[in-house]
Protein backbone atom coordinates (compact mmCIF):
# COMPACT_ATOMS: atom_id res chain seq x y z
CA UNK A 1 137.90 155.55 -114.57
CA UNK A 2 141.40 154.42 -115.49
CA UNK A 3 144.32 156.35 -114.07
CA UNK A 4 148.04 156.50 -114.71
CA UNK A 5 148.64 154.34 -111.66
CA UNK A 6 151.03 151.94 -113.37
CA UNK A 7 154.76 151.28 -113.61
CA UNK A 8 156.06 149.91 -116.91
CA UNK A 9 159.54 148.69 -117.84
CA UNK A 10 161.60 151.76 -118.80
CA UNK A 11 163.62 149.98 -121.50
CA UNK A 12 160.42 149.11 -123.40
CA UNK A 13 159.13 152.69 -123.30
CA UNK A 14 159.12 153.96 -126.88
CA UNK A 15 160.70 150.71 -128.14
CA UNK A 16 157.59 148.94 -129.45
CA UNK A 17 157.11 149.46 -133.22
CA UNK A 18 153.66 149.61 -134.75
CA UNK A 19 153.90 146.12 -136.26
CA UNK A 20 154.47 144.64 -132.80
CA UNK A 21 151.41 146.41 -131.39
CA UNK A 22 149.25 144.48 -133.87
CA UNK A 23 149.08 141.16 -131.98
CA UNK A 24 152.82 140.44 -132.11
CA UNK A 25 153.75 141.84 -128.70
CA UNK A 26 154.92 138.51 -127.23
CA UNK A 27 157.05 137.63 -130.24
CA UNK A 28 158.64 141.05 -130.41
CA UNK A 29 159.46 141.58 -126.73
CA UNK A 30 161.07 138.13 -126.35
CA UNK A 31 163.05 138.59 -129.57
CA UNK A 32 164.06 142.12 -128.54
CA UNK A 33 165.30 140.91 -125.13
CA UNK A 34 167.44 138.24 -126.78
CA UNK A 35 168.71 140.53 -129.56
CA UNK A 36 169.77 143.21 -127.08
CA UNK A 37 171.91 140.62 -125.28
CA UNK A 38 173.79 139.79 -128.47
CA UNK A 39 171.85 136.62 -129.29
CA UNK A 40 171.46 136.15 -133.06
CA UNK A 41 167.87 136.60 -134.24
CA UNK A 42 166.24 135.26 -137.42
CA UNK A 43 162.63 135.26 -138.62
CA UNK A 44 161.19 132.69 -140.99
CA UNK A 45 157.77 131.86 -142.39
CA UNK A 46 155.91 128.58 -142.61
CA UNK A 47 152.45 127.29 -143.43
CA UNK A 48 150.43 125.86 -140.54
CA UNK A 49 146.84 124.66 -141.03
CA UNK A 50 146.84 126.33 -144.42
CA UNK A 51 147.80 129.72 -142.98
CA UNK A 52 151.08 131.57 -143.26
CA UNK A 53 152.72 132.42 -139.94
CA UNK A 54 156.01 133.97 -138.84
CA UNK A 55 158.21 132.25 -136.30
CA UNK A 56 161.72 133.02 -135.10
CA UNK A 57 164.87 131.38 -133.85
CA UNK A 58 167.53 132.51 -131.41
CA UNK A 59 171.15 131.37 -131.62
CA UNK A 60 174.03 131.88 -129.22
CA UNK A 61 177.24 129.97 -129.84
CA UNK A 62 176.31 126.42 -130.79
CA UNK A 63 172.85 126.60 -129.14
CA UNK A 64 169.63 127.38 -131.05
CA UNK A 65 166.06 127.60 -129.78
CA UNK A 66 162.89 128.00 -131.86
CA UNK A 67 159.89 130.09 -130.82
CA UNK A 68 156.28 130.56 -131.88
CA UNK A 69 155.01 133.76 -130.29
CA UNK A 70 155.63 133.28 -126.56
CA UNK A 71 156.11 129.51 -126.83
CA UNK A 72 159.65 128.14 -126.84
CA UNK A 73 160.72 124.73 -128.11
CA UNK A 74 161.16 123.39 -124.56
CA UNK A 75 157.38 123.03 -124.45
CA UNK A 76 156.69 119.60 -125.92
CA UNK A 77 154.24 118.73 -128.72
CA UNK A 78 152.36 116.58 -126.19
CA UNK A 79 151.75 119.63 -123.98
CA UNK A 80 150.53 121.61 -127.01
CA UNK A 81 148.07 118.83 -127.91
CA UNK A 82 146.70 118.58 -124.37
CA UNK A 83 146.30 122.33 -123.85
CA UNK A 84 144.72 122.70 -127.28
CA UNK A 85 141.82 120.49 -126.18
CA UNK A 86 139.98 121.86 -123.16
CA UNK A 87 138.29 118.51 -122.48
CA UNK A 88 141.64 116.72 -122.39
CA UNK A 89 143.10 119.50 -120.24
CA UNK A 90 140.37 119.03 -117.64
CA UNK A 91 141.05 115.29 -117.55
CA UNK A 92 144.72 115.88 -116.66
CA UNK A 93 143.84 118.55 -114.11
CA UNK A 94 141.20 116.40 -112.45
CA UNK A 95 143.61 113.45 -112.21
CA UNK A 96 146.16 115.72 -110.50
CA UNK A 97 143.60 116.98 -107.99
CA UNK A 98 143.52 120.52 -109.41
CA UNK A 99 140.14 122.25 -108.83
CA UNK A 100 138.09 122.75 -112.01
CA UNK A 101 134.45 123.80 -112.60
CA UNK A 102 131.82 121.03 -112.65
CA UNK A 103 130.84 120.26 -116.23
CA UNK A 104 130.79 117.85 -119.16
CA UNK A 105 132.07 117.62 -122.73
CA UNK A 106 129.69 116.99 -125.65
CA UNK A 107 130.87 115.95 -129.12
CA UNK A 108 129.23 115.70 -132.54
CA UNK A 109 127.42 112.48 -131.52
CA UNK A 110 125.43 114.37 -128.90
CA UNK A 111 122.24 116.17 -129.86
CA UNK A 112 121.52 119.71 -128.69
CA UNK A 113 118.72 118.52 -126.41
CA UNK A 114 121.20 116.31 -124.51
CA UNK A 115 123.19 119.41 -123.57
CA UNK A 116 120.01 121.09 -122.31
CA UNK A 117 119.02 117.98 -120.32
CA UNK A 118 122.44 117.87 -118.65
CA UNK A 119 122.14 121.55 -117.78
CA UNK A 120 119.13 120.71 -115.63
CA UNK A 121 121.49 118.75 -113.33
CA UNK A 122 123.59 121.88 -112.75
CA UNK A 123 122.84 125.20 -111.14
CA UNK A 124 122.60 128.31 -113.31
CA UNK A 125 124.48 130.44 -114.33
CA UNK A 126 126.44 128.29 -116.82
CA UNK A 127 129.22 128.64 -119.40
CA UNK A 128 129.24 127.10 -122.89
CA UNK A 129 132.44 127.07 -124.94
CA UNK A 130 134.14 125.13 -127.77
CA UNK A 131 136.81 122.63 -126.71
CA UNK A 132 139.29 124.05 -129.25
CA UNK A 133 138.51 127.76 -128.90
CA UNK A 134 140.98 130.51 -128.07
CA UNK A 135 140.86 134.21 -127.35
CA UNK A 136 137.32 133.93 -126.01
CA UNK A 137 135.90 132.99 -129.43
CA UNK A 138 132.58 131.19 -129.05
CA UNK A 139 132.51 131.49 -125.24
CA UNK A 140 129.09 132.25 -123.75
CA UNK A 141 129.45 133.07 -120.07
CA UNK A 142 126.94 133.75 -117.31
CA UNK A 143 124.07 131.95 -119.07
CA UNK A 144 121.09 132.53 -116.77
CA UNK A 145 118.22 130.58 -118.37
CA UNK A 146 117.47 127.60 -120.59
CA UNK A 147 116.38 129.99 -123.33
CA UNK A 148 119.79 131.72 -123.25
CA UNK A 149 121.48 128.30 -123.30
CA UNK A 150 119.50 127.27 -126.41
CA UNK A 151 120.57 130.48 -128.13
CA UNK A 152 124.22 129.89 -127.16
CA UNK A 153 124.12 126.30 -128.50
CA UNK A 154 122.73 127.50 -131.84
CA UNK A 155 125.47 130.13 -132.10
CA UNK A 156 128.39 127.86 -131.14
CA UNK A 157 127.33 124.64 -132.89
CA UNK A 158 125.39 126.22 -135.74
CA UNK A 159 126.86 129.56 -136.75
CA UNK A 160 130.45 128.86 -135.62
CA UNK A 161 130.36 125.17 -136.54
CA UNK A 162 132.01 124.02 -133.27
CA UNK A 163 130.34 120.68 -132.59
CA UNK A 164 132.44 119.67 -129.59
CA UNK A 165 131.62 121.91 -126.64
CA UNK A 166 131.94 122.06 -122.87
CA UNK A 167 129.06 123.01 -120.60
CA UNK A 168 130.11 123.90 -117.06
CA UNK A 169 129.15 125.96 -114.08
CA UNK A 170 129.80 129.67 -114.23
CA UNK A 171 132.03 130.41 -111.25
CA UNK A 172 131.60 133.86 -109.77
CA UNK A 173 134.80 135.70 -108.96
CA UNK A 174 137.73 137.50 -110.50
CA UNK A 175 139.22 136.07 -113.68
CA UNK A 176 142.99 136.14 -113.34
CA UNK A 177 145.70 135.18 -115.87
CA UNK A 178 148.66 133.74 -113.93
CA UNK A 179 151.99 133.32 -115.69
CA UNK A 180 153.89 130.32 -114.31
CA UNK A 181 157.46 129.50 -115.31
CA UNK A 182 158.53 126.09 -113.99
CA UNK A 183 157.52 126.24 -110.30
CA UNK A 184 157.40 130.01 -109.94
CA UNK A 185 154.50 132.41 -110.37
CA UNK A 186 155.93 135.44 -112.19
CA UNK A 187 152.86 137.58 -112.70
CA UNK A 188 149.10 137.67 -112.23
CA UNK A 189 146.70 139.93 -114.13
CA UNK A 190 143.04 140.44 -113.26
CA UNK A 191 141.22 140.72 -116.59
CA UNK A 192 138.17 142.87 -115.98
CA UNK A 193 135.41 142.62 -118.64
CA UNK A 194 135.00 145.72 -120.81
CA UNK A 195 133.23 148.43 -118.85
CA UNK A 196 132.78 152.14 -118.29
CA UNK A 197 132.28 154.05 -115.04
CA UNK A 198 129.70 156.83 -114.91
CA UNK A 199 130.55 160.42 -114.03
CA UNK A 200 126.96 161.67 -113.86
CA UNK A 201 127.44 163.88 -116.94
CA UNK A 202 128.47 161.81 -119.96
CA UNK A 203 126.47 159.21 -121.87
CA UNK A 204 127.69 155.62 -122.16
CA UNK A 205 128.62 156.36 -125.77
CA UNK A 206 130.79 159.30 -124.68
CA UNK A 207 132.32 157.28 -121.82
CA UNK A 208 133.15 154.47 -124.25
CA UNK A 209 134.88 156.89 -126.62
CA UNK A 210 136.88 158.30 -123.71
CA UNK A 211 137.77 154.78 -122.52
CA UNK A 212 139.09 153.82 -125.95
CA UNK A 213 141.26 156.93 -126.00
CA UNK A 214 142.69 155.94 -122.62
CA UNK A 215 143.45 152.44 -123.89
CA UNK A 216 145.70 153.98 -126.52
CA UNK A 217 148.26 154.91 -123.86
CA UNK A 218 149.21 151.23 -123.77
CA UNK A 219 151.19 149.79 -126.73
CA UNK A 220 149.42 146.49 -126.03
CA UNK A 221 145.90 147.96 -126.18
CA UNK A 222 146.41 150.59 -128.87
CA UNK A 223 144.86 148.43 -131.60
CA UNK A 224 142.36 146.68 -129.31
CA UNK A 225 139.51 149.14 -128.70
CA UNK A 226 136.15 148.17 -127.27
CA UNK A 227 133.79 148.04 -130.26
CA UNK A 228 130.07 148.69 -130.50
CA UNK A 229 128.43 145.45 -131.66
CA UNK A 230 125.42 143.19 -131.04
CA UNK A 231 126.89 141.81 -127.82
CA UNK A 232 127.34 145.31 -126.41
CA UNK A 233 123.74 146.25 -127.22
CA UNK A 234 122.53 142.99 -125.66
CA UNK A 235 124.47 143.57 -122.44
CA UNK A 236 123.21 147.16 -122.17
CA UNK A 237 119.62 145.99 -122.65
CA UNK A 238 120.02 143.51 -119.78
CA UNK A 239 121.03 146.46 -117.57
CA UNK A 240 118.12 148.61 -118.83
CA UNK A 241 120.54 150.98 -120.55
CA UNK A 242 121.27 152.32 -124.02
CA UNK A 243 124.30 154.11 -125.43
CA UNK A 244 122.56 157.39 -124.64
CA UNK A 245 122.05 156.56 -120.93
CA UNK A 246 123.92 158.81 -118.47
CA UNK A 247 125.06 156.56 -115.57
CA UNK A 248 125.29 158.07 -112.06
CA UNK A 249 128.74 158.98 -110.81
CA UNK A 250 130.69 155.88 -109.79
CA UNK A 251 128.31 153.34 -111.34
CA UNK A 252 130.12 150.65 -113.33
CA UNK A 253 128.40 149.52 -116.55
CA UNK A 254 129.70 146.25 -118.03
CA UNK A 255 129.68 146.22 -121.83
CA UNK A 256 131.11 142.71 -122.15
CA UNK A 257 130.60 139.45 -120.24
CA UNK A 258 133.90 137.84 -121.24
CA UNK A 259 137.10 139.36 -119.95
CA UNK A 260 139.29 139.00 -123.04
CA UNK A 261 141.60 141.96 -123.48
CA UNK A 262 141.09 141.87 -127.26
CA UNK A 263 137.39 142.67 -126.82
CA UNK A 264 137.85 145.52 -124.36
CA UNK A 265 138.94 143.95 -121.07
CA UNK A 266 141.15 145.91 -118.65
CA UNK A 267 144.45 144.28 -117.51
CA UNK A 268 144.95 145.07 -113.80
CA UNK A 269 148.02 143.81 -111.90
CA UNK A 270 147.04 141.20 -109.29
CA UNK A 271 150.43 139.64 -108.47
CA UNK A 272 150.76 140.90 -104.90
CA UNK A 273 147.14 139.97 -104.10
CA UNK A 274 147.57 136.34 -105.09
CA UNK A 275 147.73 134.20 -101.93
CA UNK A 276 150.25 131.40 -101.47
CA UNK A 277 147.43 128.87 -101.63
CA UNK A 278 146.28 130.15 -105.03
CA UNK A 279 149.88 130.22 -106.28
CA UNK A 280 150.19 126.55 -105.32
CA UNK A 281 147.08 125.72 -107.36
CA UNK A 282 148.52 127.50 -110.42
CA UNK A 283 151.89 125.74 -110.12
CA UNK A 284 150.16 122.38 -109.60
CA UNK A 285 148.12 122.98 -112.76
CA UNK A 286 151.30 123.60 -114.76
CA UNK A 287 152.88 120.45 -113.33
CA UNK A 288 149.81 118.38 -114.27
CA UNK A 289 150.53 118.75 -118.00
CA UNK A 290 153.57 116.73 -119.20
CA UNK A 291 156.12 118.87 -121.04
CA UNK A 292 154.57 122.23 -120.13
CA UNK A 293 157.57 124.29 -118.97
CA UNK A 294 155.78 127.64 -118.87
CA UNK A 295 152.17 128.65 -119.31
CA UNK A 296 149.52 131.32 -118.95
CA UNK A 297 146.95 129.84 -116.58
CA UNK A 298 143.42 131.22 -116.27
CA UNK A 299 141.89 130.98 -112.80
CA UNK A 300 138.57 132.15 -111.37
CA UNK A 301 139.17 133.40 -107.82
CA UNK A 302 136.67 133.59 -104.97
CA UNK A 303 138.48 136.19 -102.85
CA UNK A 304 136.19 135.91 -99.84
CA UNK A 305 136.93 132.20 -99.37
CA UNK A 306 140.44 132.21 -100.90
CA UNK A 307 139.46 129.57 -103.45
CA UNK A 308 140.30 129.22 -107.08
CA UNK A 309 139.39 126.96 -110.00
CA UNK A 310 141.38 126.53 -113.21
CA UNK A 311 139.50 127.13 -116.44
CA UNK A 312 142.27 127.09 -119.08
CA UNK A 313 145.99 126.58 -119.72
CA UNK A 314 147.73 128.36 -122.61
CA UNK A 315 150.94 127.31 -124.35
CA UNK A 316 151.21 130.61 -126.25
CA UNK A 317 149.83 133.20 -123.82
CA UNK A 318 149.96 136.88 -124.60
CA UNK A 319 152.60 138.75 -122.62
CA UNK A 320 151.37 142.27 -123.41
CA UNK A 321 149.24 142.78 -120.33
CA UNK A 322 152.03 141.52 -118.03
CA UNK A 323 154.30 144.16 -119.61
CA UNK A 324 151.72 146.97 -119.90
CA UNK A 325 149.06 146.66 -117.16
CA UNK A 326 146.70 149.61 -116.90
CA UNK A 327 147.10 149.52 -113.13
CA UNK A 328 150.02 148.16 -111.12
CA UNK A 329 153.57 147.08 -111.87
CA UNK A 330 154.87 145.37 -115.01
CA UNK A 331 156.74 142.07 -114.75
CA UNK A 332 159.65 141.34 -117.09
CA UNK A 333 158.53 137.94 -118.36
CA UNK A 334 160.82 138.03 -121.46
CA UNK A 335 163.84 138.40 -119.14
CA UNK A 336 162.93 135.24 -117.20
CA UNK A 337 162.44 133.33 -120.43
CA UNK A 338 165.77 134.30 -122.00
CA UNK A 339 167.54 133.75 -118.66
CA UNK A 340 166.31 130.15 -118.74
CA UNK A 341 166.78 129.40 -122.45
CA UNK A 342 170.18 131.14 -122.60
CA UNK A 343 171.54 131.28 -119.01
CA UNK A 344 175.02 132.14 -120.28
CA UNK A 345 173.70 135.59 -121.34
CA UNK A 346 172.02 136.37 -118.01
CA UNK A 347 174.52 139.09 -117.08
CA UNK A 348 175.41 140.18 -120.60
CA UNK A 349 176.77 143.72 -120.78
CA UNK A 350 174.60 144.63 -123.79
CA UNK A 351 171.45 144.20 -121.72
CA UNK A 352 168.81 146.95 -121.97
CA UNK A 353 170.42 149.08 -124.66
CA UNK A 354 168.29 151.93 -126.00
CA UNK A 355 167.94 150.66 -129.57
CA UNK A 356 165.35 148.40 -131.18
CA UNK A 357 164.85 146.73 -134.56
CA UNK A 358 162.23 147.12 -137.30
CA UNK A 359 159.86 144.15 -137.30
CA UNK A 360 157.84 145.29 -140.32
CA UNK A 361 160.84 145.37 -142.66
CA UNK A 362 161.79 141.82 -141.61
CA UNK A 363 158.32 140.52 -142.48
CA UNK A 364 158.27 142.53 -145.72
CA UNK A 365 161.51 140.87 -146.81
CA UNK A 366 160.01 137.44 -146.17
CA UNK A 367 156.78 138.34 -147.94
CA UNK A 368 158.06 140.09 -151.07
CA UNK A 369 161.55 138.70 -151.60
CA UNK A 370 160.43 135.08 -151.16
CA UNK A 371 163.26 134.52 -148.70
CA UNK A 372 163.16 131.46 -146.47
CA UNK A 373 164.73 133.34 -143.57
CA UNK A 374 165.72 136.88 -142.58
CA UNK A 375 168.46 137.51 -140.04
CA UNK A 376 168.37 140.77 -138.11
CA UNK A 377 171.63 142.68 -138.02
CA UNK A 378 173.36 142.22 -134.66
CA UNK A 379 172.77 144.83 -131.98
CA UNK A 380 175.58 147.35 -131.38
CA UNK A 381 178.54 146.33 -129.23
CA UNK A 382 178.15 149.21 -126.79
CA UNK A 383 175.38 151.20 -125.18
CA UNK A 384 174.41 154.01 -127.56
CA UNK A 385 174.15 157.72 -126.81
CA UNK A 386 171.02 159.43 -128.13
CA UNK A 387 171.34 162.92 -129.59
CA UNK A 388 168.94 165.33 -131.29
CA UNK A 389 170.53 167.68 -133.84
CA UNK A 390 168.34 170.66 -134.69
CA UNK A 391 169.24 172.17 -138.08
CA UNK A 392 167.98 175.51 -139.42
CA UNK A 393 168.47 176.35 -143.12
CA UNK A 394 167.51 179.38 -145.18
CA UNK A 395 165.26 176.76 -146.78
CA UNK A 396 165.60 173.03 -147.29
CA UNK A 397 164.80 170.85 -150.29
CA UNK A 398 164.44 167.20 -151.10
CA UNK A 399 168.03 167.17 -152.31
CA UNK A 400 169.25 168.39 -148.91
CA UNK A 401 167.21 165.70 -147.13
CA UNK A 402 168.64 162.98 -149.37
CA UNK A 403 172.14 164.33 -148.81
CA UNK A 404 171.70 164.20 -145.02
CA UNK A 405 170.38 160.64 -145.29
CA UNK A 406 173.45 159.62 -147.34
CA UNK A 407 175.78 161.16 -144.74
CA UNK A 408 173.99 159.32 -141.93
CA UNK A 409 174.20 155.99 -143.74
CA UNK A 410 177.85 156.59 -144.70
CA UNK A 411 178.65 157.19 -141.03
CA UNK A 412 176.68 154.06 -140.04
CA UNK A 413 174.29 156.03 -137.79
CA UNK A 414 170.95 154.87 -136.46
CA UNK A 415 168.01 157.22 -136.15
CA UNK A 416 165.66 159.32 -138.21
CA UNK A 417 165.11 162.70 -139.87
CA UNK A 418 161.98 164.77 -139.36
CA UNK A 419 161.01 167.91 -141.28
CA UNK A 420 159.64 170.40 -138.75
CA UNK A 421 159.06 173.27 -141.19
CA UNK A 422 160.35 174.75 -144.44
CA UNK A 423 163.50 175.82 -142.63
CA UNK A 424 163.92 173.37 -139.73
CA UNK A 425 164.98 169.74 -139.65
CA UNK A 426 165.42 167.52 -136.58
CA UNK A 427 167.90 164.68 -136.68
CA UNK A 428 167.66 162.03 -133.97
CA UNK A 429 170.67 159.74 -133.98
CA UNK A 430 172.34 157.14 -131.80
CA UNK A 431 176.13 157.14 -131.57
CA UNK A 432 178.62 155.01 -129.65
CA UNK A 433 180.86 157.93 -128.71
CA UNK A 434 181.09 161.71 -128.95
CA UNK A 435 183.87 161.51 -131.57
CA UNK A 436 181.50 159.88 -134.05
CA UNK A 437 178.96 162.64 -133.39
CA UNK A 438 181.55 165.37 -133.95
CA UNK A 439 182.67 163.67 -137.16
CA UNK A 440 179.08 163.65 -138.44
CA UNK A 441 178.52 167.32 -137.55
CA UNK A 442 181.69 168.28 -139.44
CA UNK A 443 180.42 166.29 -142.42
CA UNK A 444 177.15 168.26 -142.30
CA UNK A 445 178.99 171.58 -142.14
CA UNK A 446 181.25 170.52 -144.98
CA UNK A 447 178.31 169.51 -147.17
CA UNK A 448 176.14 172.59 -146.60
CA UNK A 449 178.46 175.32 -145.27
CA UNK A 450 176.75 178.70 -144.89
CA UNK A 451 173.41 177.23 -145.93
CA UNK A 452 173.12 176.13 -142.29
CA UNK A 453 171.93 179.12 -140.26
CA UNK A 454 171.89 177.35 -136.90
CA UNK A 455 172.85 173.95 -135.45
CA UNK A 456 172.01 172.76 -131.92
CA UNK A 457 172.70 169.44 -130.21
CA UNK A 458 170.55 168.15 -127.32
CA UNK A 459 170.29 164.92 -125.34
CA UNK A 460 167.71 162.36 -126.51
CA UNK A 461 166.69 159.71 -123.98
CA UNK A 462 164.08 157.64 -125.88
CA UNK A 463 164.98 154.36 -127.66
CA UNK A 464 165.98 154.64 -131.32
CA UNK A 465 165.17 152.20 -134.10
CA UNK A 466 168.11 150.54 -135.84
CA UNK A 467 168.75 151.92 -139.33
CA UNK A 468 168.03 155.40 -140.62
CA UNK A 469 164.68 156.60 -141.96
CA UNK A 470 163.02 159.79 -143.16
CA UNK A 471 159.81 160.75 -141.42
CA UNK A 472 157.19 162.95 -143.02
CA UNK A 473 155.41 162.83 -146.35
CA UNK A 474 156.09 159.91 -148.74
CA UNK A 475 157.02 162.47 -151.41
CA UNK A 476 160.19 163.29 -149.51
CA UNK A 477 161.19 159.64 -149.44
CA UNK A 478 160.86 158.96 -153.17
CA UNK A 479 164.03 158.10 -155.11
CA UNK A 480 165.41 160.73 -157.46
CA UNK A 481 163.79 160.75 -160.95
CA UNK A 482 165.97 159.10 -163.60
CA UNK A 483 166.73 161.35 -166.62
CA UNK A 484 165.37 160.16 -170.00
CA UNK A 485 165.29 161.23 -173.70
CA UNK A 486 162.21 163.39 -174.39
CA UNK A 487 162.48 162.87 -178.16
CA UNK A 488 162.28 159.09 -177.67
CA UNK A 489 159.22 159.52 -175.47
CA UNK A 490 157.54 161.69 -178.12
CA UNK A 491 158.18 159.00 -180.77
CA UNK A 492 156.52 156.37 -178.62
CA UNK A 493 153.53 158.63 -177.91
CA UNK A 494 153.01 159.30 -181.66
CA UNK A 495 153.14 155.58 -182.39
CA UNK A 496 150.48 154.94 -179.74
CA UNK A 497 148.26 157.67 -181.22
CA UNK A 498 148.53 156.12 -184.73
CA UNK A 499 147.63 152.69 -183.35
CA UNK A 500 144.62 154.09 -181.49
CA UNK A 501 143.46 155.96 -184.62
CA UNK A 502 143.65 152.75 -186.66
CA UNK A 503 141.61 150.84 -184.13
CA UNK A 504 139.01 153.61 -184.11
CA UNK A 505 138.62 153.47 -187.95
CA UNK A 506 138.22 149.68 -187.95
CA UNK A 507 135.57 149.77 -185.20
CA UNK A 508 133.59 152.45 -187.14
CA UNK A 509 133.70 150.37 -190.35
CA UNK A 510 132.40 147.30 -188.52
CA UNK A 511 129.51 149.30 -187.04
CA UNK A 512 128.57 150.81 -190.43
CA UNK A 513 128.51 147.35 -192.01
CA UNK A 514 126.30 146.01 -189.23
CA UNK A 515 123.83 148.87 -189.61
CA UNK A 516 123.58 148.42 -193.42
CA UNK A 517 122.78 144.78 -192.88
CA UNK A 518 119.59 145.59 -191.00
CA UNK A 519 116.38 144.92 -192.97
CA UNK A 520 114.30 148.07 -192.43
CA UNK A 521 114.95 151.83 -191.95
CA UNK A 522 113.09 151.56 -188.64
CA UNK A 523 115.66 149.00 -187.35
CA UNK A 524 118.52 151.23 -188.55
CA UNK A 525 117.10 154.18 -186.61
CA UNK A 526 116.77 152.07 -183.49
CA UNK A 527 120.38 150.90 -183.82
CA UNK A 528 121.58 154.49 -183.71
């Protein structure tokens, strides 16, 4: 059972918008770190492999760096090419003396039976995976028999169409993602395959539902639940279980064989458990790839013998589980990255302000306005003070809400408005000083006077999104209706009715003519 035994970065708490939770965590947290330091931030779109993607650039003074997700432009195209091909990656690692699993690459010239014949030279269990796969797609781990291997080959080469594959030994141990920046290990996360732990009372189905609710506490896992699919049923069957089985208290039931977080894996902090010897292997693996400045390195660890083998290097690794582990302490990877790319901002006074920007609106501008690039408005000069203003009216209306929004925008305030009831409104705002707050309160009193029954101001400690928005029903956010001439509308409606009536008469005449043209009364009856 997961617990709240974790420590996350306080300045990211409440500062991750919904759009970033949907597989854009790395992009957003790096961009946010830079933006909060006063580094200019722009997003742009481009087409890569026929697909539209959003990238971003960071500019400070006369220096600009370009990023794709968590990958900065100091990682060379050569490194991207090597890490994108697992077979090529293993060649570089083997040449550098980095431990890798025993295995072999098979391309489209090899028949399926050749893969099976080679498997007989190895010891089961085995792993079959595409050379160009990512995110665990097409990976079949812990293959126990030749029959299972045949099934995996048909799925990977047939259904998925991945002709070039790697067959290698399945190494028992913990799968750990190690983030290496230059020659330093920053963080290590043990990715535990999706599982539930019995309590002796609930079924596996109920435990799974509870587990998915617990995953929602993490911004990184909120949109990555563990789903019920064919793989889950297959894994349960192998353990002689069904979704209706009630496991004994403390028994761990694995619902997945692969440890990918996107399919239900648990990210558990492993940084302090990583031995110096294993850290050296990870750093050596990074050094083996020319032009690879930083990387997420996957290692299988045999804890009993303090051994590790490298199974993959990633040029664009996800940072979410380093920032939001379900157990252990978060590591501020974005800070290290911006420190290196923009060392002149390392001690910038704007660091860790309590405001964040809207990622969705930036993408919407690129998508709908056909803009080549969108620049995010610079972060505020000073640390902002969060306040919650609680307003009580005799009653409020849409006009009052729009008026409050206009006052907030006129005073250049950041925050939001939330209708609590027919009489109560909460305003959360961020101000640079108390004078600006007092000026805004006076503006409210001047606009509404005695219509305000009560006004309270409290501290607000959570981050606030830049700009000002209205929360609540979409109806309250609609623009005011534009006045129009009813007589003109009536004229147009009458004209439409006359046109429709004319069409109706012509259609009836055509039908009558067609019926009269029929040869017999019997045919005319049938036509009706």
